[in-house]
């Protein structure tokens, strides 16, 4: 688990409030292939900059057994070809990674097609979890 302090964040994404994010191509590729590198704070830098200032824990990739994900976009994912792509990748042993912002109900920031594919394959999704906390 990594800890990161965000200062100068845009506040575009807030806990338990939706928002559409366009991730950089390098991050989309890393998440799609499951090749998420350490440190997570560096890998997720562009995404983290969209959060409100504060302290966060970053963990994963890990398995998420939570059916209560709140989607930040349309659900289930509408692009059948993209879901099929991820289903094929999952069947062949790859583990694409979704990004979840933890809160009262976890918000799925990125990975709607991935989660749909994991569910269709009956496999627990692989995710990176971002959790805001207060340092006391």
Protein backbone atom coordinates (compact mmCIF):
# COMPACT_ATOMS: atom_id res chain seq x y z
CA UNK A 1 0.00 0.00 0.00
CA UNK A 2 1.26 3.45 -0.88
CA UNK A 3 0.33 6.78 0.65
CA UNK A 4 0.18 10.00 -1.28
CA UNK A 5 -0.73 13.58 -0.43
CA UNK A 6 -2.45 15.55 -3.16
CA UNK A 7 -2.02 19.30 -3.22
CA UNK A 8 -3.27 21.40 -6.07
CA UNK A 9 -5.81 18.80 -7.16
CA UNK A 10 -8.58 20.02 -9.44
CA UNK A 11 -11.40 18.45 -7.43
CA UNK A 12 -12.97 17.25 -10.69
CA UNK A 13 -13.64 13.88 -9.06
CA UNK A 14 -15.16 13.75 -5.61
CA UNK A 15 -15.91 10.78 -3.41
CA UNK A 16 -19.22 9.15 -4.37
CA UNK A 17 -19.90 11.69 -7.11
CA UNK A 18 -19.64 10.73 -10.76
CA UNK A 19 -17.41 12.29 -13.35
CA UNK A 20 -16.08 11.37 -16.78
CA UNK A 21 -12.32 10.97 -16.98
CA UNK A 22 -10.17 10.82 -20.11
CA UNK A 23 -7.01 9.00 -19.09
CA UNK A 24 -3.68 9.36 -20.89
CA UNK A 25 -2.95 6.64 -23.46
CA UNK A 26 -0.02 5.23 -21.45
CA UNK A 27 -2.22 4.74 -18.38
CA UNK A 28 -5.08 3.24 -20.43
CA UNK A 29 -2.65 0.72 -21.95
CA UNK A 30 -1.18 -0.20 -18.55
CA UNK A 31 -4.64 -0.75 -17.08
CA UNK A 32 -5.89 -2.67 -20.14
CA UNK A 33 -2.97 -5.07 -20.07
CA UNK A 34 -2.72 -5.36 -16.29
CA UNK A 35 0.85 -4.07 -16.44
CA UNK A 36 0.46 -1.52 -13.65
CA UNK A 37 3.89 -0.46 -12.45
CA UNK A 38 5.09 0.73 -9.09
CA UNK A 39 5.01 3.22 -7.59
CA UNK A 40 1.28 3.53 -8.08
CA UNK A 41 1.39 7.24 -7.26
CA UNK A 42 3.55 7.85 -10.33
CA UNK A 43 1.54 5.53 -12.57
CA UNK A 44 -1.78 7.14 -11.54
CA UNK A 45 -0.42 10.72 -11.37
CA UNK A 46 -2.78 12.18 -14.01
CA UNK A 47 -5.82 10.54 -12.44
CA UNK A 48 -4.85 11.55 -8.89
CA UNK A 49 -4.55 15.19 -10.00
CA UNK A 50 -8.33 15.15 -10.59
CA UNK A 51 -9.10 14.47 -6.91
CA UNK A 52 -9.63 16.98 -4.15
CA UNK A 53 -6.60 17.80 -2.03
CA UNK A 54 -6.02 15.34 0.75
CA UNK A 55 -4.28 12.17 1.76
CA UNK A 56 -4.90 8.91 -0.05
CA UNK A 57 -3.92 5.27 0.14
CA UNK A 58 -3.27 3.43 -3.11
CA UNK A 59 -3.44 -0.36 -3.18
CA UNK A 60 -3.47 -3.10 -5.74
CA UNK A 61 -3.77 -4.48 -8.19
CA UNK A 62 -5.96 -6.69 -6.05
CA UNK A 63 -9.16 -8.68 -6.40
CA UNK A 64 -12.41 -6.86 -5.63
CA UNK A 65 -15.41 -8.87 -4.53
CA UNK A 66 -17.91 -6.03 -4.47
CA UNK A 67 -21.11 -5.99 -6.50
CA UNK A 68 -21.99 -2.53 -5.19
CA UNK A 69 -19.80 -0.53 -7.55
CA UNK A 70 -21.22 2.85 -8.49
CA UNK A 71 -20.45 3.48 -12.16
CA UNK A 72 -19.05 6.82 -13.29
CA UNK A 73 -20.43 6.12 -16.78
CA UNK A 74 -23.08 4.03 -18.50
CA UNK A 75 -23.66 0.60 -16.98
CA UNK A 76 -23.43 -2.04 -18.10
CA UNK A 77 -20.81 -1.03 -20.60
CA UNK A 78 -22.34 -0.40 -24.02
CA UNK A 79 -19.43 -1.23 -26.35
CA UNK A 80 -19.92 -4.95 -27.04
CA UNK A 81 -16.69 -5.19 -29.06
CA UNK A 82 -14.64 -3.74 -26.19
CA UNK A 83 -16.25 -6.10 -23.69
CA UNK A 84 -15.54 -9.02 -26.05
CA UNK A 85 -11.91 -7.92 -26.28
CA UNK A 86 -11.56 -7.96 -22.48
CA UNK A 87 -13.41 -11.29 -22.19
CA UNK A 88 -10.90 -12.85 -24.59
CA UNK A 89 -7.98 -11.34 -22.66
CA UNK A 90 -9.38 -12.60 -19.34
CA UNK A 91 -9.95 -16.11 -20.72
CA UNK A 92 -6.33 -16.18 -21.90
CA UNK A 93 -5.06 -15.35 -18.41
CA UNK A 94 -4.59 -11.59 -18.60
CA UNK A 95 -5.98 -9.49 -15.77
CA UNK A 96 -6.93 -6.00 -16.96
CA UNK A 97 -7.12 -3.54 -14.07
CA UNK A 98 -10.03 -1.24 -13.19
CA UNK A 99 -9.68 1.82 -10.92
CA UNK A 100 -12.00 2.24 -7.93
CA UNK A 101 -12.34 5.20 -5.61
CA UNK A 102 -13.31 3.83 -2.19
CA UNK A 103 -16.06 5.53 -0.23
CA UNK A 104 -19.41 4.69 1.33
CA UNK A 105 -20.04 2.92 -1.99
CA UNK A 106 -17.05 2.31 -4.26
CA UNK A 107 -17.01 4.50 -7.38
CA UNK A 108 -15.75 2.83 -10.55
CA UNK A 109 -13.58 5.51 -12.17
CA UNK A 110 -12.16 3.46 -15.00
CA UNK A 111 -12.94 -0.06 -16.14
CA UNK A 112 -16.64 -0.30 -16.96
CA UNK A 113 -15.93 -2.60 -19.92
CA UNK A 114 -13.41 -4.58 -17.86
CA UNK A 115 -15.82 -5.15 -14.96
CA UNK A 116 -18.59 -6.14 -17.40
CA UNK A 117 -16.19 -8.66 -19.00
CA UNK A 118 -15.04 -10.04 -15.63
CA UNK A 119 -18.65 -10.52 -14.53
CA UNK A 120 -19.54 -12.24 -17.82
CA UNK A 121 -16.59 -14.60 -17.32
CA UNK A 122 -17.47 -15.22 -13.66
CA UNK A 123 -14.03 -14.05 -12.48
CA UNK A 124 -13.33 -11.64 -9.63
CA UNK A 125 -12.06 -8.34 -11.11
CA UNK A 126 -8.58 -6.96 -10.62
CA UNK A 127 -8.58 -3.35 -9.40
CA UNK A 128 -6.46 -0.56 -8.03
CA UNK A 129 -8.19 1.06 -5.06
CA UNK A 130 -7.80 4.73 -4.11
CA UNK A 131 -8.95 5.53 -0.56
CA UNK A 132 -9.03 8.99 0.98
CA UNK A 133 -8.10 9.13 4.64
CA UNK A 134 -7.27 11.69 7.27
CA UNK A 135 -3.91 11.57 8.97
CA UNK A 136 -4.53 11.87 12.65
